[in-house]
Amino acid sequence: MSAIGDAEFLRLLKSDIDYFGRAIDRFENLIPRVCSSVQDQWRLQAQSRRNFALELEILLEKAEQCVSASVSGGKNKTPSDSASC
């Protein structure tokens, strides 16, 4: 991927994570407004979505590491680094 493509991917991923986080917050704010029989199910959904958001943040961190490694021209890159990118 080109440097421009990498930067665009990272920008879009960051904005998606921010949007998703705000959507989860709004979803969690609705939980008290629904009947109690639905609240437990919604709490589980909210936790599942929080876990997904965490996975996206981990993906972003790894993508940023790979981009910075490719920008530096592979200097100081260990074999384990190249296996993860």
C-alpha atoms as a PDB file:
ATOM      1  CA  MET A   1       0.000   0.000   0.000  1.00  0.00           C
ATOM      2  CA  SER A   2       1.289   3.487  -0.739  1.00  0.00           C
ATOM      3  CA  ALA A   3       2.048   6.016   1.971  1.00  0.00           C
ATOM      4  CA  ILE A   4      -1.016   8.027   0.911  1.00  0.00           C
ATOM      5  CA  GLY A   5      -3.167   4.906   1.059  1.00  0.00           C
ATOM      6  CA  ASP A   6      -1.759   4.044   4.485  1.00  0.00           C
ATOM      7  CA  ALA A   7      -2.498   7.503   5.821  1.00  0.00           C
ATOM      8  CA  GLU A   8      -6.035   7.417   4.412  1.00  0.00           C
ATOM      9  CA  PHE A   9      -6.659   3.967   5.899  1.00  0.00           C
ATOM     10  CA  LEU A  10      -5.466   5.118   9.327  1.00  0.00           C
ATOM     11  CA  ARG A  11      -7.555   8.296   9.139  1.00  0.00           C
ATOM     12  CA  LEU A  12     -10.688   6.353   8.205  1.00  0.00           C
ATOM     13  CA  LEU A  13     -10.064   3.717  10.856  1.00  0.00           C
ATOM     14  CA  LYS A  14      -9.621   6.402  13.527  1.00  0.00           C
ATOM     15  CA  SER A  15     -12.842   8.140  12.498  1.00  0.00           C
ATOM     16  CA  ASP A  16     -14.699   4.802  12.434  1.00  0.00           C
ATOM     17  CA  ILE A  17     -13.485   3.973  15.948  1.00  0.00           C
ATOM     18  CA  ASP A  18     -14.561   7.402  17.212  1.00  0.00           C
ATOM     19  CA  TYR A  19     -17.978   7.096  15.564  1.00  0.00           C
ATOM     20  CA  PHE A  20     -18.467   3.564  16.850  1.00  0.00           C
ATOM     21  CA  GLY A  21     -17.509   4.622  20.380  1.00  0.00           C
ATOM     22  CA  ARG A  22     -20.040   7.454  20.332  1.00  0.00           C
ATOM     23  CA  ALA A  23     -22.707   5.090  18.984  1.00  0.00           C
ATOM     24  CA  ILE A  24     -22.038   2.657  21.832  1.00  0.00           C
ATOM     25  CA  ASP A  25     -22.352   5.493  24.347  1.00  0.00           C
ATOM     26  CA  ARG A  26     -25.719   6.490  22.873  1.00  0.00           C
ATOM     27  CA  PHE A  27     -26.835   2.859  22.908  1.00  0.00           C
ATOM     28  CA  GLU A  28     -25.851   2.480  26.564  1.00  0.00           C
ATOM     29  CA  ASN A  29     -27.750   5.668  27.432  1.00  0.00           C
ATOM     30  CA  LEU A  30     -30.909   4.047  26.059  1.00  0.00           C
ATOM     31  CA  ILE A  31     -30.659   0.947  28.256  1.00  0.00           C
ATOM     32  CA  PRO A  32     -32.449   2.471  31.285  1.00  0.00           C
ATOM     33  CA  ARG A  33     -35.321   3.536  29.023  1.00  0.00           C
ATOM     34  CA  VAL A  34     -36.302   0.045  27.921  1.00  0.00           C
ATOM     35  CA  CYS A  35     -38.231  -2.508  29.944  1.00  0.00           C
ATOM     36  CA  SER A  36     -36.229  -4.541  32.431  1.00  0.00           C
ATOM     37  CA  SER A  37     -36.639  -7.790  30.504  1.00  0.00           C
ATOM     38  CA  VAL A  38     -34.753  -6.251  27.559  1.00  0.00           C
ATOM     39  CA  GLN A  39     -32.079  -4.439  29.583  1.00  0.00           C
ATOM     40  CA  ASP A  40     -29.937  -7.530  30.245  1.00  0.00           C
ATOM     41  CA  GLN A  41     -29.899  -8.397  26.565  1.00  0.00           C
ATOM     42  CA  TRP A  42     -28.979  -4.818  25.651  1.00  0.00           C
ATOM     43  CA  ARG A  43     -26.204  -4.787  28.263  1.00  0.00           C
ATOM     44  CA  LEU A  44     -24.731  -7.912  26.680  1.00  0.00           C
ATOM     45  CA  GLN A  45     -24.950  -6.254  23.262  1.00  0.00           C
ATOM     46  CA  ALA A  46     -23.248  -3.147  24.608  1.00  0.00           C
ATOM     47  CA  GLN A  47     -20.420  -5.226  26.107  1.00  0.00           C
ATOM     48  CA  SER A  48     -19.998  -7.104  22.848  1.00  0.00           C
ATOM     49  CA  ARG A  49     -19.780  -3.819  20.964  1.00  0.00           C
ATOM     50  CA  ARG A  50     -17.267  -2.446  23.494  1.00  0.00           C
ATOM     51  CA  ASN A  51     -15.135  -5.544  22.907  1.00  0.00           C
ATOM     52  CA  PHE A  52     -15.319  -4.975  19.150  1.00  0.00           C
ATOM     53  CA  ALA A  53     -14.295  -1.337  19.620  1.00  0.00           C
ATOM     54  CA  LEU A  54     -11.304  -2.516  21.646  1.00  0.00           C
ATOM     55  CA  GLU A  55     -10.353  -4.902  18.841  1.00  0.00           C
ATOM     56  CA  LEU A  56     -10.553  -2.013  16.371  1.00  0.00           C
ATOM     57  CA  GLU A  57      -8.247   0.054  18.575  1.00  0.00           C
ATOM     58  CA  ILE A  58      -5.758  -2.833  18.669  1.00  0.00           C
ATOM     59  CA  LEU A  59      -5.977  -3.088  14.877  1.00  0.00           C
ATOM     60  CA  LEU A  60      -5.311   0.641  14.599  1.00  0.00           C
ATOM     61  CA  GLU A  61      -2.281   0.389  16.875  1.00  0.00           C
ATOM     62  CA  LYS A  62      -0.836  -2.499  14.858  1.00  0.00           C
ATOM     63  CA  ALA A  63      -1.547  -0.696  11.577  1.00  0.00           C
ATOM     64  CA  GLU A  64       0.213   2.427  12.862  1.00  0.00           C
ATOM     65  CA  GLN A  65       3.214   0.301  13.870  1.00  0.00           C
ATOM     66  CA  CYS A  66       3.356  -1.295  10.427  1.00  0.00           C
ATOM     67  CA  VAL A  67       3.059   2.055   8.669  1.00  0.00           C
ATOM     68  CA  SER A  68       5.784   3.619  10.789  1.00  0.00           C
ATOM     69  CA  ALA A  69       7.996   0.588  10.166  1.00  0.00           C
ATOM     70  CA  SER A  70       7.471   0.835   6.408  1.00  0.00           C
ATOM     71  CA  VAL A  71       8.096   4.593   6.460  1.00  0.00           C
ATOM     72  CA  SER A  72      11.367   4.095   8.300  1.00  0.00           C
ATOM     73  CA  GLY A  73      12.409   1.794   5.482  1.00  0.00           C
ATOM     74  CA  GLY A  74      12.442  -1.317   7.577  1.00  0.00           C
ATOM     75  CA  LYS A  75      15.328  -0.094   9.699  1.00  0.00           C
ATOM     76  CA  ASN A  76      15.519  -1.693  13.127  1.00  0.00           C
ATOM     77  CA  LYS A  77      12.949  -4.239  12.046  1.00  0.00           C
ATOM     78  CA  THR A  78      13.178  -7.630  13.680  1.00  0.00           C
ATOM     79  CA  PRO A  79      11.868 -10.838  12.082  1.00  0.00           C
ATOM     80  CA  SER A  80       9.004 -10.905  14.568  1.00  0.00           C
ATOM     81  CA  ASP A  81       7.998  -7.374  13.471  1.00  0.00           C
ATOM     82  CA  SER A  82       7.772  -8.384   9.847  1.00  0.00           C
ATOM     83  CA  ALA A  83       5.669 -11.404  10.738  1.00  0.00           C
ATOM     84  CA  SER A  84       3.103  -9.217  12.480  1.00  0.00           C
ATOM     85  CA  CYS A  85       2.766  -6.639   9.690  1.00  0.00           C
END
